[in-house]
Protein backbone atom coordinates (compact mmCIF):
# COMPACT_ATOMS: atom_id res chain seq x y z
CA UNK A 1 74.52 18.62 -53.45
CA UNK A 2 72.01 16.18 -54.67
CA UNK A 3 69.39 17.95 -56.74
CA UNK A 4 66.01 16.11 -56.19
CA UNK A 5 63.71 17.78 -58.21
CA UNK A 6 63.46 21.06 -59.89
CA UNK A 7 64.47 23.27 -57.36
CA UNK A 8 65.08 21.04 -54.29
CA UNK A 9 68.41 20.86 -53.03
CA UNK A 10 70.09 18.60 -50.54
CA UNK A 11 72.85 20.21 -48.69
CA UNK A 12 76.42 18.72 -48.90
CA UNK A 13 75.58 16.66 -45.69
CA UNK A 14 72.79 15.10 -46.96
CA UNK A 15 70.75 15.94 -43.75
CA UNK A 16 68.46 18.76 -45.01
CA UNK A 17 67.02 19.93 -47.82
CA UNK A 18 66.25 23.45 -49.35
CA UNK A 19 62.83 23.78 -51.37
CA UNK A 20 63.53 26.79 -53.88
CA UNK A 21 60.63 25.46 -56.29
CA UNK A 22 58.69 28.62 -55.48
CA UNK A 23 61.33 30.47 -56.91
CA UNK A 24 61.48 32.32 -60.30
CA UNK A 25 64.98 30.66 -60.76
CA UNK A 26 67.50 28.84 -58.54
CA UNK A 27 70.72 27.00 -58.53
CA UNK A 28 73.14 25.06 -56.20
CA UNK A 29 75.78 24.74 -59.13
CA UNK A 30 78.04 27.78 -58.43
CA UNK A 31 80.76 25.31 -57.02
CA UNK A 32 80.65 23.11 -59.83
CA UNK A 33 80.98 26.02 -62.35
CA UNK A 34 84.07 27.78 -60.33
CA UNK A 35 85.84 24.43 -60.13
CA UNK A 36 85.33 23.07 -63.58
CA UNK A 37 86.76 26.46 -65.02
CA UNK A 38 89.60 25.76 -62.73
CA UNK A 39 89.16 29.17 -60.57
CA UNK A 40 90.09 29.66 -57.10
CA UNK A 41 86.86 31.18 -56.35
CA UNK A 42 84.70 30.41 -53.29
CA UNK A 43 80.86 30.04 -53.72
CA UNK A 44 77.66 30.42 -51.72
CA UNK A 45 75.84 27.04 -51.52
CA UNK A 46 72.37 28.25 -53.12
CA UNK A 47 70.93 31.24 -55.04
CA UNK A 48 67.04 31.76 -55.35
CA UNK A 49 65.10 34.62 -57.27
CA UNK A 50 62.17 36.10 -56.31
CA UNK A 51 60.15 38.88 -58.05
CA UNK A 52 61.95 41.41 -55.91
CA UNK A 53 65.44 40.07 -55.01
CA UNK A 54 68.14 37.34 -55.38
CA UNK A 55 69.09 35.72 -51.96
CA UNK A 56 72.45 34.05 -51.91
CA UNK A 57 72.31 31.38 -49.27
CA UNK A 58 75.24 29.91 -47.24
CA UNK A 59 74.43 27.21 -45.16
CA UNK A 60 76.58 25.35 -42.41
CA UNK A 61 75.32 23.01 -39.70
CA UNK A 62 77.29 21.66 -36.91
CA UNK A 63 74.48 20.32 -35.01
CA UNK A 64 73.55 17.36 -37.08
CA UNK A 65 74.30 13.84 -35.63
CA UNK A 66 77.02 13.08 -38.38
CA UNK A 67 78.74 16.38 -38.22
CA UNK A 68 82.24 16.47 -38.17
CA UNK A 69 84.15 17.80 -35.09
CA UNK A 70 81.04 20.12 -34.03
CA UNK A 71 82.79 21.44 -30.90
CA UNK A 72 85.72 22.49 -33.07
CA UNK A 73 83.35 24.46 -35.78
CA UNK A 74 84.12 28.03 -34.88
CA UNK A 75 82.08 30.38 -37.09
CA UNK A 76 83.58 33.64 -34.74
CA UNK A 77 87.22 32.57 -36.08
CA UNK A 78 88.75 35.27 -38.40
CA UNK A 79 89.48 32.48 -41.22
CA UNK A 80 85.57 31.49 -41.11
CA UNK A 81 84.17 35.21 -41.11
CA UNK A 82 86.85 36.13 -43.89
CA UNK A 83 85.68 32.75 -45.85
CA UNK A 84 81.79 33.69 -45.38
CA UNK A 85 82.47 37.08 -46.71
CA UNK A 86 84.68 35.91 -49.83
CA UNK A 87 81.91 33.58 -50.83
CA UNK A 88 79.58 36.93 -51.20
CA UNK A 89 81.93 38.66 -52.98
CA UNK A 90 82.94 35.49 -55.64
CA UNK A 91 79.33 34.43 -55.89
CA UNK A 92 78.61 38.30 -57.48
CA UNK A 93 80.92 36.98 -60.59
CA UNK A 94 78.28 34.03 -61.08
CA UNK A 95 75.43 36.37 -60.66
CA UNK A 96 77.25 38.66 -63.54
CA UNK A 97 77.48 35.86 -65.91
CA UNK A 98 73.72 34.98 -65.31
CA UNK A 99 72.95 38.89 -65.75
CA UNK A 100 70.93 39.04 -62.87
CA UNK A 101 70.59 42.43 -61.76
CA UNK A 102 68.09 42.47 -58.88
CA UNK A 103 69.04 43.73 -55.29
CA UNK A 104 71.32 41.09 -53.72
CA UNK A 105 70.70 39.77 -50.18
CA UNK A 106 72.68 37.47 -48.57
CA UNK A 107 71.96 35.03 -45.55
CA UNK A 108 73.95 32.71 -43.67
CA UNK A 109 71.97 30.15 -42.21
CA UNK A 110 74.28 28.54 -39.26
CA UNK A 111 73.74 26.25 -36.59
CA UNK A 112 76.08 25.12 -34.21
CA UNK A 113 75.98 23.61 -30.52
CA UNK A 114 75.09 26.55 -27.80
CA UNK A 115 74.27 29.32 -30.40
CA UNK A 116 71.72 31.88 -29.91
CA UNK A 117 70.14 34.72 -31.02
CA UNK A 118 72.82 37.25 -29.40
CA UNK A 119 75.55 35.04 -30.98
CA UNK A 120 73.96 35.22 -34.60
CA UNK A 121 73.67 38.81 -34.36
CA UNK A 122 77.44 39.27 -33.02
CA UNK A 123 78.43 37.09 -36.02
CA UNK A 124 75.99 39.26 -38.46
CA UNK A 125 77.80 42.49 -37.31
CA UNK A 126 81.45 40.90 -37.71
CA UNK A 127 80.49 39.48 -40.91
CA UNK A 128 78.84 42.71 -42.18
CA UNK A 129 82.12 44.84 -41.64
CA UNK A 130 83.77 43.04 -43.99
CA UNK A 131 80.78 43.32 -47.15
CA UNK A 132 80.59 46.28 -49.07
CA UNK A 133 77.90 48.16 -47.25
CA UNK A 134 80.35 51.46 -46.45
CA UNK A 135 82.20 51.02 -49.74
CA UNK A 136 78.65 51.79 -51.40
CA UNK A 137 77.80 54.46 -49.32
CA UNK A 138 76.93 57.27 -51.75
CA UNK A 139 77.38 55.42 -54.89
CA UNK A 140 74.47 55.07 -57.39
CA UNK A 141 74.47 51.01 -57.55
CA UNK A 142 74.67 48.61 -54.64
CA UNK A 143 76.18 45.24 -54.57
CA UNK A 144 74.36 44.15 -51.54
CA UNK A 145 71.23 44.86 -50.47
CA UNK A 146 70.88 43.06 -46.91
CA UNK A 147 72.58 40.38 -44.80
CA UNK A 148 71.42 38.19 -42.07
CA UNK A 149 72.64 35.37 -40.25
CA UNK A 150 69.78 33.28 -39.15
CA UNK A 151 68.92 29.78 -37.50
CA UNK A 152 66.76 27.20 -39.42
CA UNK A 153 64.09 27.85 -37.64
CA UNK A 154 64.40 31.79 -38.05
CA UNK A 155 64.84 31.18 -41.70
CA UNK A 156 61.57 29.09 -42.08
CA UNK A 157 59.54 31.41 -40.29
CA UNK A 158 61.28 34.58 -42.17
CA UNK A 159 58.37 36.71 -43.72
CA UNK A 160 60.36 36.25 -47.21
CA UNK A 161 62.49 33.16 -46.94
CA UNK A 162 59.95 30.88 -45.70
CA UNK A 163 58.74 30.41 -49.37
CA UNK A 164 62.07 28.24 -49.46
CA UNK A 165 61.86 25.98 -46.57
CA UNK A 166 64.88 24.08 -45.26
CA UNK A 167 63.57 20.73 -43.68
CA UNK A 168 65.29 17.50 -42.28
CA UNK A 169 65.74 14.95 -45.34
CA UNK A 170 63.08 12.29 -44.93
CA UNK A 171 64.94 8.88 -45.41
CA UNK A 172 64.31 7.19 -48.95
CA UNK A 173 64.21 11.02 -50.76
CA UNK A 174 67.53 11.15 -51.80
CA UNK A 175 68.11 9.59 -55.39
C-alpha cells in the first residue's frame, strides 16, 4: 500500500484510494508491523478511528481492469471465508498494542463479477458465524460490535463510513 498524504491510502492494486483524513487516527501499516516482527498473523487492510468506534476494513476488488484471475476469485470458498475471519482476530492484537479500546466494527468491502446485494448478505451471514458474536454473549466485554459486507458504492453512501470515501485513483496522484 502506498501512502499519499496523511490519512489517504492506496490499496494494493493501485486502483482505489481510501481517504481516512477525517479519522481521529488511521493506518494501513498492520501488515508491515506483523511481517517485520516475523509473525504469521493476518491483517485487515486499513483501520480508522472515529469518536465512537474503530473500523477494521478489509478490501478485495476483482472488478478492476488488471485484476488477476477475477473469474477465479471466489469469496464464498471456505478458505477465503476463514481467511477473512482470521484477519479480524489477528488484527485485534494490533489494536491492543495501540491501546485502542473503542467498539470495533469490521467491514469487508468486496467487489467481484456478478455480485449483488443478496450475495453480499449471504457472505456476511457465513463469515459472521466465524466471528465472536456468539462467544461474547453474556460477557461484560465485546471483541466485535458489528460486521458488514459492502460494495464500494454501499461503503461510500453509508451513514458512518461515507466520511472515509473509497474512490478511483486519478492518474498522476500516486507518488
